Amino acid sequence: MNAKFDFSDGSNLCLSGILTRDSVPSLWKQIEALDYPESSINVSLKEVERIDSAGMVMLIHLIEHAKNRKCHIMLSFVPDELKMLFQLSNVESVIEKHI
């Protein structure tokens, strides 16, 4: 399954599929073009099947991209493999306010 997102209601973004170096570039182009109508957006990772370091970096960029537009991102249903990537990459301090 390719990576995709659903941002239908303006305050909840649902990512799904496989977030890897193969799928992240095209997905990021779509996400980068989003407007942030709310001051806080929940990003659900419940439907993510697999995520690698490229997917992790995309999420960090999403957090920074939204922050620059005065929007706070909260990640929900964070997979254990992603939590481990955060630890191994030593970026927990960047992410801790978003989980």
C-alpha atoms as a PDB file:
ATOM      1  CA  MET A   1       0.000   0.000   0.000  1.00  0.00           C
ATOM      2  CA  ASN A   2       1.330   3.411  -0.938  1.00  0.00           C
ATOM      3  CA  ALA A   3       1.399   6.194   1.608  1.00  0.00           C
ATOM      4  CA  LYS A   4      -1.524   8.574   1.604  1.00  0.00           C
ATOM      5  CA  PHE A   5      -3.254  11.060   3.822  1.00  0.00           C
ATOM      6  CA  ASP A   6      -6.777  12.201   4.533  1.00  0.00           C
ATOM      7  CA  PHE A   7      -7.341  15.739   5.775  1.00  0.00           C
ATOM      8  CA  SER A   8     -11.072  16.007   5.301  1.00  0.00           C
ATOM      9  CA  ASP A   9     -12.240  17.795   8.441  1.00  0.00           C
ATOM     10  CA  GLY A  10      -9.494  20.402   8.916  1.00  0.00           C
ATOM     11  CA  SER A  11      -8.339  19.345  12.383  1.00  0.00           C
ATOM     12  CA  ASN A  12      -7.453  15.671  11.880  1.00  0.00           C
ATOM     13  CA  LEU A  13      -4.883  14.367   9.439  1.00  0.00           C
ATOM     14  CA  CYS A  14      -4.751  10.608   8.989  1.00  0.00           C
ATOM     15  CA  LEU A  15      -1.613   9.088   7.472  1.00  0.00           C
ATOM     16  CA  SER A  16      -1.795   5.543   6.167  1.00  0.00           C
ATOM     17  CA  GLY A  17       0.229   2.981   4.291  1.00  0.00           C
ATOM     18  CA  ILE A  18       3.987   2.636   4.112  1.00  0.00           C
ATOM     19  CA  LEU A  19       6.046   5.725   4.943  1.00  0.00           C
ATOM     20  CA  THR A  20       9.483   5.012   3.525  1.00  0.00           C
ATOM     21  CA  ARG A  21      12.080   6.743   1.394  1.00  0.00           C
ATOM     22  CA  ASP A  22      10.185   5.531  -1.675  1.00  0.00           C
ATOM     23  CA  SER A  23       6.849   7.072  -0.721  1.00  0.00           C
ATOM     24  CA  VAL A  24       7.811  10.115   1.347  1.00  0.00           C
ATOM     25  CA  PRO A  25       8.843  12.534  -1.466  1.00  0.00           C
ATOM     26  CA  SER A  26       5.482  12.474  -3.256  1.00  0.00           C
ATOM     27  CA  LEU A  27       3.555  12.479   0.027  1.00  0.00           C
ATOM     28  CA  TRP A  28       5.562  15.448   1.321  1.00  0.00           C
ATOM     29  CA  LYS A  29       4.733  17.500  -1.786  1.00  0.00           C
ATOM     30  CA  GLN A  30       1.043  17.042  -1.005  1.00  0.00           C
ATOM     31  CA  ILE A  31       1.395  17.749   2.710  1.00  0.00           C
ATOM     32  CA  GLU A  32       3.609  20.782   2.136  1.00  0.00           C
ATOM     33  CA  ALA A  33       0.824  22.389   0.105  1.00  0.00           C
ATOM     34  CA  LEU A  34      -1.716  22.105   2.945  1.00  0.00           C
ATOM     35  CA  ASP A  35      -3.256  25.069   4.668  1.00  0.00           C
ATOM     36  CA  TYR A  36      -3.549  24.767   8.424  1.00  0.00           C
ATOM     37  CA  PRO A  37      -7.043  26.049   9.246  1.00  0.00           C
ATOM     38  CA  GLU A  38      -6.801  25.191  12.936  1.00  0.00           C
ATOM     39  CA  SER A  39      -4.243  26.149  15.577  1.00  0.00           C
ATOM     40  CA  SER A  40      -3.856  22.473  16.514  1.00  0.00           C
ATOM     41  CA  ILE A  41      -4.037  19.400  14.294  1.00  0.00           C
ATOM     42  CA  ASN A  42      -4.078  15.760  15.322  1.00  0.00           C
ATOM     43  CA  VAL A  43      -2.026  13.489  13.051  1.00  0.00           C
ATOM     44  CA  SER A  44      -3.137   9.876  13.382  1.00  0.00           C
ATOM     45  CA  LEU A  45      -0.606   7.181  12.553  1.00  0.00           C
ATOM     46  CA  LYS A  46      -3.064   4.375  13.301  1.00  0.00           C
ATOM     47  CA  GLU A  47      -3.201   3.208   9.676  1.00  0.00           C
ATOM     48  CA  VAL A  48       0.571   3.359   9.060  1.00  0.00           C
ATOM     49  CA  GLU A  49       1.786  -0.123   8.176  1.00  0.00           C
ATOM     50  CA  ARG A  50       5.518   0.593   8.189  1.00  0.00           C
ATOM     51  CA  ILE A  51       7.744   3.601   8.721  1.00  0.00           C
ATOM     52  CA  ASP A  52      11.474   4.107   8.265  1.00  0.00           C
ATOM     53  CA  SER A  53      13.845   6.983   9.015  1.00  0.00           C
ATOM     54  CA  ALA A  54      12.606   8.935   5.977  1.00  0.00           C
ATOM     55  CA  GLY A  55       9.077   8.758   7.354  1.00  0.00           C
ATOM     56  CA  MET A  56      10.342   9.907  10.741  1.00  0.00           C
ATOM     57  CA  VAL A  57      12.123  12.884   9.180  1.00  0.00           C
ATOM     58  CA  MET A  58       8.980  13.757   7.220  1.00  0.00           C
ATOM     59  CA  LEU A  59       7.012  13.890  10.482  1.00  0.00           C
ATOM     60  CA  ILE A  60       9.631  16.155  12.062  1.00  0.00           C
ATOM     61  CA  HIS A  61       9.460  18.424   9.006  1.00  0.00           C
ATOM     62  CA  LEU A  62       5.659  18.384   9.227  1.00  0.00           C
ATOM     63  CA  ILE A  63       5.860  19.542  12.854  1.00  0.00           C
ATOM     64  CA  GLU A  64       8.259  22.363  11.933  1.00  0.00           C
ATOM     65  CA  HIS A  65       6.290  23.302   8.806  1.00  0.00           C
ATOM     66  CA  ALA A  66       3.078  23.599  10.831  1.00  0.00           C
ATOM     67  CA  LYS A  67       4.849  25.457  13.644  1.00  0.00           C
ATOM     68  CA  ASN A  68       6.002  28.095  11.156  1.00  0.00           C
ATOM     69  CA  ARG A  69       2.329  28.566  10.308  1.00  0.00           C
ATOM     70  CA  LYS A  70       1.294  28.887  13.967  1.00  0.00           C
ATOM     71  CA  CYS A  71      -0.144  25.376  14.170  1.00  0.00           C
ATOM     72  CA  HIS A  72       0.680  22.717  16.768  1.00  0.00           C
ATOM     73  CA  ILE A  73       0.844  19.089  15.615  1.00  0.00           C
ATOM     74  CA  MET A  74      -0.055  16.219  17.944  1.00  0.00           C
ATOM     75  CA  LEU A  75       0.837  12.687  16.859  1.00  0.00           C
ATOM     76  CA  SER A  76      -1.484   9.873  17.916  1.00  0.00           C
ATOM     77  CA  PHE A  77      -1.189   6.094  17.636  1.00  0.00           C
ATOM     78  CA  VAL A  78       2.601   6.355  17.314  1.00  0.00           C
ATOM     79  CA  PRO A  79       3.938   2.877  16.409  1.00  0.00           C
ATOM     80  CA  ASP A  80       6.575   1.334  18.657  1.00  0.00           C
ATOM     81  CA  GLU A  81       9.028   1.162  15.743  1.00  0.00           C
ATOM     82  CA  LEU A  82       8.742   4.936  15.319  1.00  0.00           C
ATOM     83  CA  LYS A  83       9.263   5.525  19.040  1.00  0.00           C
ATOM     84  CA  MET A  84      12.410   3.430  18.757  1.00  0.00           C
ATOM     85  CA  LEU A  85      13.584   5.482  15.755  1.00  0.00           C
ATOM     86  CA  PHE A  86      13.058   8.670  17.782  1.00  0.00           C
ATOM     87  CA  GLN A  87      15.220   7.229  20.559  1.00  0.00           C
ATOM     88  CA  LEU A  88      17.960   5.932  18.279  1.00  0.00           C
ATOM     89  CA  SER A  89      18.054   9.218  16.361  1.00  0.00           C
ATOM     90  CA  ASN A  90      18.243  11.206  19.594  1.00  0.00           C
ATOM     91  CA  VAL A  91      15.307  13.442  18.637  1.00  0.00           C
ATOM     92  CA  GLU A  92      13.024  12.669  21.552  1.00  0.00           C
ATOM     93  CA  SER A  93      13.396  16.233  22.879  1.00  0.00           C
ATOM     94  CA  VAL A  94      12.108  17.595  19.547  1.00  0.00           C
ATOM     95  CA  ILE A  95       9.135  15.239  19.531  1.00  0.00           C
ATOM     96  CA  GLU A  96       8.140  15.014  23.210  1.00  0.00           C
ATOM     97  CA  LYS A  97       5.621  17.892  23.085  1.00  0.00           C
ATOM     98  CA  HIS A  98       3.939  16.326  20.056  1.00  0.00           C
ATOM     99  CA  ILE A  99       3.118  12.843  21.331  1.00  0.00           C
END
